[in-house]
Amino acid sequence: MIENLLSFALATVALAFSPGPDNIYVLTQSLVNGVKSGIATTAGLVTGCIVHTTFLAFGLSAIITTSPALFYGVKVLGALYLLYLAYVVFKSDATIAVPVASEGKTNRTPTKTNGQLFKQGVIMNLVNPKVMIFFLAFFPAFLWNETENTVSQFYILGIIFMVVSFLVFGLIAFLAGSISSYILKHKSVGIVLKWLQVVVFIGIAIFILIP
């Protein structure tokens, strides 16, 4: 159990640091409107994961109970999806787009309250079907006992995912200025993070397929 949870947490850290629409959005909001805005956005994005975890827990738990073979089929499809994501990242540009400061100010976007940013973060997460598909591909590999209560196992994984994501995204919000400056000065960081994503996706896919 501990080994699975540690592996899951480390994989989540790697994925949270890998450039994607969510953490880039948090970075942008923090640069434009301040750290509190980045934290509010992060809280919204993470809160949306509760719904995805719930759907996943009760939906997949029913499949596991009825047919272990069908559940393994779901895991195979999940592994294939992760390999597809690895391919998409491999073919993508390694450049990371960040706001550029101009005369002491970053590129401007309409200012929103922290409550509005929180709400927007929740909605962004809930209306993105890729999040649910990713959860479906990612979580099953880390169940530690398919004969025990899988609902509680999925919720434990969901809580770990939310806590780790909040901590990483929160760190990005606090260090937004330094991170953007570093990225602008060191273009090679995009290549490193790109290959990190590829390795993590392929690694999880292999982990899923190992009996």
C-alpha atoms as a PDB file:
ATOM      1  CA  MET A   1       0.000   0.000   0.000  1.00  0.00           C
ATOM      2  CA  ILE A   2       2.686   2.517   1.071  1.00  0.00           C
ATOM      3  CA  GLU A   3       4.714   1.756  -2.061  1.00  0.00           C
ATOM      4  CA  ASN A   4       1.692   2.408  -4.291  1.00  0.00           C
ATOM      5  CA  LEU A   5       0.824   5.670  -2.541  1.00  0.00           C
ATOM      6  CA  LEU A   6       4.427   6.938  -2.704  1.00  0.00           C
ATOM      7  CA  SER A   7       4.654   6.036  -6.401  1.00  0.00           C
ATOM      8  CA  PHE A   8       1.340   7.783  -7.014  1.00  0.00           C
ATOM      9  CA  ALA A   9       2.450  10.902  -5.132  1.00  0.00           C
ATOM     10  CA  LEU A  10       5.759  11.099  -7.019  1.00  0.00           C
ATOM     11  CA  ALA A  11       4.026  10.631 -10.375  1.00  0.00           C
ATOM     12  CA  THR A  12       1.552  13.377  -9.424  1.00  0.00           C
ATOM     13  CA  VAL A  13       4.403  15.749  -8.494  1.00  0.00           C
ATOM     14  CA  ALA A  14       6.079  15.134 -11.858  1.00  0.00           C
ATOM     15  CA  LEU A  15       2.813  15.689 -13.736  1.00  0.00           C
ATOM     16  CA  ALA A  16       1.951  18.818 -11.722  1.00  0.00           C
ATOM     17  CA  PHE A  17       5.316  20.397 -12.548  1.00  0.00           C
ATOM     18  CA  SER A  18       5.072  19.449 -16.232  1.00  0.00           C
ATOM     19  CA  PRO A  19       3.825  22.420 -18.294  1.00  0.00           C
ATOM     20  CA  GLY A  20       0.132  22.133 -19.110  1.00  0.00           C
ATOM     21  CA  PRO A  21      -2.899  24.426 -19.425  1.00  0.00           C
ATOM     22  CA  ASP A  22      -3.660  24.354 -15.684  1.00  0.00           C
ATOM     23  CA  ASN A  23      -0.285  25.251 -14.202  1.00  0.00           C
ATOM     24  CA  ILE A  24       0.442  27.749 -17.004  1.00  0.00           C
ATOM     25  CA  TYR A  25      -2.901  29.397 -16.223  1.00  0.00           C
ATOM     26  CA  VAL A  26      -2.006  29.548 -12.514  1.00  0.00           C
ATOM     27  CA  LEU A  27       1.380  31.042 -13.441  1.00  0.00           C
ATOM     28  CA  THR A  28      -0.281  33.660 -15.666  1.00  0.00           C
ATOM     29  CA  GLN A  29      -2.895  34.656 -13.070  1.00  0.00           C
ATOM     30  CA  SER A  30      -0.181  34.994 -10.416  1.00  0.00           C
ATOM     31  CA  LEU A  31       1.944  37.197 -12.647  1.00  0.00           C
ATOM     32  CA  VAL A  32      -0.954  39.374 -13.758  1.00  0.00           C
ATOM     33  CA  ASN A  33      -3.074  39.671 -10.613  1.00  0.00           C
ATOM     34  CA  GLY A  34      -0.796  38.522  -7.781  1.00  0.00           C
ATOM     35  CA  VAL A  35      -0.153  35.442  -5.667  1.00  0.00           C
ATOM     36  CA  LYS A  36      -3.622  35.409  -4.067  1.00  0.00           C
ATOM     37  CA  SER A  37      -5.221  35.162  -7.510  1.00  0.00           C
ATOM     38  CA  GLY A  38      -2.964  32.226  -8.357  1.00  0.00           C
ATOM     39  CA  ILE A  39      -3.903  30.484  -5.094  1.00  0.00           C
ATOM     40  CA  ALA A  40      -7.632  31.119  -5.712  1.00  0.00           C
ATOM     41  CA  THR A  41      -7.325  29.647  -9.208  1.00  0.00           C
ATOM     42  CA  THR A  42      -5.429  26.660  -7.821  1.00  0.00           C
ATOM     43  CA  ALA A  43      -8.094  26.058  -5.161  1.00  0.00           C
ATOM     44  CA  GLY A  44     -10.783  26.073  -7.855  1.00  0.00           C
ATOM     45  CA  LEU A  45      -8.945  23.654 -10.125  1.00  0.00           C
ATOM     46  CA  VAL A  46      -8.274  21.262  -7.235  1.00  0.00           C
ATOM     47  CA  THR A  47     -11.861  21.437  -5.937  1.00  0.00           C
ATOM     48  CA  GLY A  48     -13.163  20.288  -9.321  1.00  0.00           C
ATOM     49  CA  CYS A  49     -11.175  17.072  -8.855  1.00  0.00           C
ATOM     50  CA  ILE A  50     -13.560  16.011  -6.061  1.00  0.00           C
ATOM     51  CA  VAL A  51     -16.335  15.503  -8.620  1.00  0.00           C
ATOM     52  CA  HIS A  52     -14.093  13.560 -11.003  1.00  0.00           C
ATOM     53  CA  THR A  53     -12.858  11.371  -8.131  1.00  0.00           C
ATOM     54  CA  THR A  54     -16.447  10.635  -7.071  1.00  0.00           C
ATOM     55  CA  PHE A  55     -17.540   9.622 -10.575  1.00  0.00           C
ATOM     56  CA  LEU A  56     -14.424   7.491 -10.930  1.00  0.00           C
ATOM     57  CA  ALA A  57     -14.749   5.828  -7.513  1.00  0.00           C
ATOM     58  CA  PHE A  58     -18.367   4.740  -7.822  1.00  0.00           C
ATOM     59  CA  GLY A  59     -18.281   3.991 -11.565  1.00  0.00           C
ATOM     60  CA  LEU A  60     -15.124   1.880 -11.638  1.00  0.00           C
ATOM     61  CA  SER A  61     -15.851   0.199  -8.320  1.00  0.00           C
ATOM     62  CA  ALA A  62     -19.009  -1.263  -9.848  1.00  0.00           C
ATOM     63  CA  ILE A  63     -16.987  -2.602 -12.793  1.00  0.00           C
ATOM     64  CA  ILE A  64     -14.353  -4.130 -10.483  1.00  0.00           C
ATOM     65  CA  THR A  65     -17.028  -5.872  -8.431  1.00  0.00           C
ATOM     66  CA  THR A  66     -18.836  -7.267 -11.467  1.00  0.00           C
ATOM     67  CA  SER A  67     -15.975  -8.209 -13.750  1.00  0.00           C
ATOM     68  CA  PRO A  68     -12.231  -8.157 -12.963  1.00  0.00           C
ATOM     69  CA  ALA A  69     -11.574  -8.992 -16.635  1.00  0.00           C
ATOM     70  CA  LEU A  70     -13.523  -5.932 -17.766  1.00  0.00           C
ATOM     71  CA  PHE A  71     -11.633  -3.813 -15.275  1.00  0.00           C
ATOM     72  CA  TYR A  72      -8.324  -5.048 -16.709  1.00  0.00           C
ATOM     73  CA  GLY A  73      -9.640  -4.027 -20.127  1.00  0.00           C
ATOM     74  CA  VAL A  74     -10.237  -0.526 -18.725  1.00  0.00           C
ATOM     75  CA  LYS A  75      -6.644  -0.479 -17.461  1.00  0.00           C
ATOM     76  CA  VAL A  76      -5.344  -1.506 -20.906  1.00  0.00           C
ATOM     77  CA  LEU A  77      -7.324   1.309 -22.527  1.00  0.00           C
ATOM     78  CA  GLY A  78      -5.929   3.661 -19.883  1.00  0.00           C
ATOM     79  CA  ALA A  79      -2.380   2.568 -20.669  1.00  0.00           C
ATOM     80  CA  LEU A  80      -2.985   3.116 -24.396  1.00  0.00           C
ATOM     81  CA  TYR A  81      -4.354   6.593 -23.666  1.00  0.00           C
ATOM     82  CA  LEU A  82      -1.254   7.462 -21.615  1.00  0.00           C
ATOM     83  CA  LEU A  83       0.984   6.228 -24.436  1.00  0.00           C
ATOM     84  CA  TYR A  84      -1.021   8.440 -26.795  1.00  0.00           C
ATOM     85  CA  LEU A  85      -0.439  11.420 -24.464  1.00  0.00           C
ATOM     86  CA  ALA A  86       3.281  10.618 -24.449  1.00  0.00           C
ATOM     87  CA  TYR A  87       3.238  10.652 -28.264  1.00  0.00           C
ATOM     88  CA  VAL A  88       1.354  13.984 -28.352  1.00  0.00           C
ATOM     89  CA  VAL A  89       3.897  15.554 -25.974  1.00  0.00           C
ATOM     90  CA  PHE A  90       6.779  14.060 -27.994  1.00  0.00           C
ATOM     91  CA  LYS A  91       5.434  15.675 -31.188  1.00  0.00           C
ATOM     92  CA  SER A  92       4.669  19.021 -29.520  1.00  0.00           C
ATOM     93  CA  ASP A  93       6.819  22.136 -29.334  1.00  0.00           C
ATOM     94  CA  ALA A  94       8.970  22.282 -26.185  1.00  0.00           C
ATOM     95  CA  THR A  95       8.581  26.064 -25.904  1.00  0.00           C
ATOM     96  CA  ILE A  96       6.750  27.243 -22.774  1.00  0.00           C
ATOM     97  CA  ALA A  97       4.684  30.396 -23.306  1.00  0.00           C
ATOM     98  CA  VAL A  98       4.803  32.774 -20.334  1.00  0.00           C
ATOM     99  CA  PRO A  99       3.719  36.420 -20.007  1.00  0.00           C
ATOM    100  CA  VAL A 100       6.499  38.883 -20.772  1.00  0.00           C
ATOM    101  CA  ALA A 101       7.002  41.867 -18.507  1.00  0.00           C
ATOM    102  CA  SER A 102       6.875  45.259 -20.149  1.00  0.00           C
ATOM    103  CA  GLU A 103       7.741  48.496 -18.283  1.00  0.00           C
ATOM    104  CA  GLY A 104       7.279  46.814 -14.943  1.00  0.00           C
ATOM    105  CA  LYS A 105       3.918  45.319 -15.863  1.00  0.00           C
ATOM    106  CA  THR A 106       2.924  42.001 -17.325  1.00  0.00           C
ATOM    107  CA  ASN A 107       0.520  41.568 -20.212  1.00  0.00           C
ATOM    108  CA  ARG A 108      -2.899  42.525 -18.892  1.00  0.00           C
ATOM    109  CA  THR A 109      -6.064  40.480 -18.580  1.00  0.00           C
ATOM    110  CA  PRO A 110      -9.353  41.638 -17.030  1.00  0.00           C
ATOM    111  CA  THR A 111      -8.983  41.661 -13.244  1.00  0.00           C
ATOM    112  CA  LYS A 112     -11.297  39.251 -11.414  1.00  0.00           C
ATOM    113  CA  THR A 113     -12.029  38.737  -7.742  1.00  0.00           C
ATOM    114  CA  ASN A 114     -10.564  35.714  -5.984  1.00  0.00           C
ATOM    115  CA  GLY A 115     -14.080  34.272  -5.742  1.00  0.00           C
ATOM    116  CA  GLN A 116     -14.546  34.596  -9.503  1.00  0.00           C
ATOM    117  CA  LEU A 117     -11.161  32.998 -10.150  1.00  0.00           C
ATOM    118  CA  PHE A 118     -12.013  30.130  -7.790  1.00  0.00           C
ATOM    119  CA  LYS A 119     -15.322  29.582  -9.590  1.00  0.00           C
ATOM    120  CA  GLN A 120     -13.612  29.746 -12.970  1.00  0.00           C
ATOM    121  CA  GLY A 121     -11.027  27.184 -11.831  1.00  0.00           C
ATOM    122  CA  VAL A 122     -13.787  24.773 -10.749  1.00  0.00           C
ATOM    123  CA  ILE A 123     -15.657  25.195 -14.043  1.00  0.00           C
ATOM    124  CA  MET A 124     -12.473  24.815 -16.115  1.00  0.00           C
ATOM    125  CA  ASN A 125     -11.834  21.504 -14.385  1.00  0.00           C
ATOM    126  CA  LEU A 126     -15.401  20.155 -14.547  1.00  0.00           C
ATOM    127  CA  VAL A 127     -16.104  20.940 -18.202  1.00  0.00           C
ATOM    128  CA  ASN A 128     -12.845  19.416 -19.411  1.00  0.00           C
ATOM    129  CA  PRO A 129     -13.585  15.781 -20.379  1.00  0.00           C
ATOM    130  CA  LYS A 130      -9.838  15.137 -20.671  1.00  0.00           C
ATOM    131  CA  VAL A 131      -9.559  15.371 -16.881  1.00  0.00           C
ATOM    132  CA  MET A 132     -11.978  12.499 -16.330  1.00  0.00           C
ATOM    133  CA  ILE A 133     -10.315  10.433 -19.072  1.00  0.00           C
ATOM    134  CA  PHE A 134      -6.938  11.088 -17.467  1.00  0.00           C
ATOM    135  CA  PHE A 135      -8.224  10.085 -14.031  1.00  0.00           C
ATOM    136  CA  LEU A 136      -9.641   6.911 -15.566  1.00  0.00           C
ATOM    137  CA  ALA A 137      -6.256   6.125 -17.112  1.00  0.00           C
ATOM    138  CA  PHE A 138      -4.106   7.184 -14.154  1.00  0.00           C
ATOM    139  CA  PHE A 139      -5.795   6.113 -10.914  1.00  0.00           C
ATOM    140  CA  PRO A 140      -6.577   2.366 -11.428  1.00  0.00           C
ATOM    141  CA  ALA A 141      -2.883   1.465 -11.690  1.00  0.00           C
ATOM    142  CA  PHE A 142      -2.311   2.511  -8.085  1.00  0.00           C
ATOM    143  CA  LEU A 143      -5.077   0.572  -6.342  1.00  0.00           C
ATOM    144  CA  TRP A 144      -3.309  -1.581  -3.763  1.00  0.00           C
ATOM    145  CA  ASN A 145      -6.006  -4.224  -3.233  1.00  0.00           C
ATOM    146  CA  GLU A 146      -8.776  -4.809  -5.749  1.00  0.00           C
ATOM    147  CA  THR A 147     -10.623  -7.132  -3.353  1.00  0.00           C
ATOM    148  CA  GLU A 148     -11.005  -4.474  -0.633  1.00  0.00           C
ATOM    149  CA  ASN A 149     -13.236  -1.383  -0.681  1.00  0.00           C
ATOM    150  CA  THR A 150     -12.143   0.316  -3.922  1.00  0.00           C
ATOM    151  CA  VAL A 151     -14.307   3.392  -3.337  1.00  0.00           C
ATOM    152  CA  SER A 152     -12.233   4.381  -0.302  1.00  0.00           C
ATOM    153  CA  GLN A 153      -9.016   3.593  -2.205  1.00  0.00           C
ATOM    154  CA  PHE A 154     -10.029   5.896  -5.063  1.00  0.00           C
ATOM    155  CA  TYR A 155     -10.881   8.659  -2.578  1.00  0.00           C
ATOM    156  CA  ILE A 156      -7.497   8.264  -0.844  1.00  0.00           C
ATOM    157  CA  LEU A 157      -5.772   8.572  -4.232  1.00  0.00           C
ATOM    158  CA  GLY A 158      -7.998  11.541  -5.078  1.00  0.00           C
ATOM    159  CA  ILE A 159      -7.103  13.328  -1.837  1.00  0.00           C
ATOM    160  CA  ILE A 160      -3.376  12.725  -2.425  1.00  0.00           C
ATOM    161  CA  PHE A 161      -3.732  14.009  -5.998  1.00  0.00           C
ATOM    162  CA  MET A 162      -5.537  17.156  -4.817  1.00  0.00           C
ATOM    163  CA  VAL A 163      -3.132  17.893  -1.950  1.00  0.00           C
ATOM    164  CA  VAL A 164      -0.007  17.371  -4.078  1.00  0.00           C
ATOM    165  CA  SER A 165      -1.442  19.403  -6.968  1.00  0.00           C
ATOM    166  CA  PHE A 166      -2.433  22.227  -4.607  1.00  0.00           C
ATOM    167  CA  LEU A 167       1.042  22.325  -3.046  1.00  0.00           C
ATOM    168  CA  VAL A 168       2.832  22.301  -6.412  1.00  0.00           C
ATOM    169  CA  PHE A 169       0.492  24.820  -8.061  1.00  0.00           C
ATOM    170  CA  GLY A 170       0.632  26.965  -4.901  1.00  0.00           C
ATOM    171  CA  LEU A 171       4.430  26.929  -5.114  1.00  0.00           C
ATOM    172  CA  ILE A 172       4.173  27.991  -8.768  1.00  0.00           C
ATOM    173  CA  ALA A 173       1.896  30.873  -7.695  1.00  0.00           C
ATOM    174  CA  PHE A 174       4.343  32.047  -4.996  1.00  0.00           C
ATOM    175  CA  LEU A 175       7.376  31.760  -7.278  1.00  0.00           C
ATOM    176  CA  ALA A 176       5.642  32.975 -10.451  1.00  0.00           C
ATOM    177  CA  GLY A 177       8.049  35.857 -11.084  1.00  0.00           C
ATOM    178  CA  SER A 178      11.183  33.770 -10.556  1.00  0.00           C
ATOM    179  CA  ILE A 179       9.800  30.852 -12.587  1.00  0.00           C
ATOM    180  CA  SER A 180       8.861  33.033 -15.580  1.00  0.00           C
ATOM    181  CA  SER A 181      12.251  34.799 -15.496  1.00  0.00           C
ATOM    182  CA  TYR A 182      14.064  31.462 -15.318  1.00  0.00           C
ATOM    183  CA  ILE A 183      12.053  30.029 -18.229  1.00  0.00           C
ATOM    184  CA  LEU A 184      12.747  33.117 -20.346  1.00  0.00           C
ATOM    185  CA  LYS A 185      16.478  32.937 -19.590  1.00  0.00           C
ATOM    186  CA  HIS A 186      16.836  29.158 -19.903  1.00  0.00           C
ATOM    187  CA  LYS A 187      14.983  27.995 -23.006  1.00  0.00           C
ATOM    188  CA  SER A 188      16.263  24.439 -22.487  1.00  0.00           C
ATOM    189  CA  VAL A 189      13.981  23.985 -19.456  1.00  0.00           C
ATOM    190  CA  GLY A 190      11.081  23.407 -21.849  1.00  0.00           C
ATOM    191  CA  ILE A 191      12.909  20.448 -23.408  1.00  0.00           C
ATOM    192  CA  VAL A 192      13.661  18.932 -19.978  1.00  0.00           C
ATOM    193  CA  LEU A 193      10.027  19.242 -18.866  1.00  0.00           C
ATOM    194  CA  LYS A 194       8.795  17.896 -22.195  1.00  0.00           C
ATOM    195  CA  TRP A 195      10.858  14.716 -21.815  1.00  0.00           C
ATOM    196  CA  LEU A 196       9.842  14.460 -18.164  1.00  0.00           C
ATOM    197  CA  GLN A 197       6.216  14.285 -19.296  1.00  0.00           C
ATOM    198  CA  VAL A 198       7.016  11.653 -21.933  1.00  0.00           C
ATOM    199  CA  VAL A 199       8.907   9.479 -19.406  1.00  0.00           C
ATOM    200  CA  VAL A 200       6.173   9.808 -16.758  1.00  0.00           C
ATOM    201  CA  PHE A 201       3.347   8.933 -19.171  1.00  0.00           C
ATOM    202  CA  ILE A 202       5.208   5.910 -20.573  1.00  0.00           C
ATOM    203  CA  GLY A 203       6.267   4.822 -17.082  1.00  0.00           C
ATOM    204  CA  ILE A 204       2.698   4.892 -15.745  1.00  0.00           C
ATOM    205  CA  ALA A 205       1.434   3.063 -18.851  1.00  0.00           C
ATOM    206  CA  ILE A 206       3.964   0.249 -18.282  1.00  0.00           C
ATOM    207  CA  PHE A 207       3.103   0.193 -14.556  1.00  0.00           C
ATOM    208  CA  ILE A 208      -0.588  -0.255 -15.448  1.00  0.00           C
ATOM    209  CA  LEU A 209       0.102  -3.189 -17.759  1.00  0.00           C
ATOM    210  CA  ILE A 210       2.316  -5.102 -15.301  1.00  0.00           C
ATOM    211  CA  PRO A 211       0.139  -7.793 -13.629  1.00  0.00           C
END
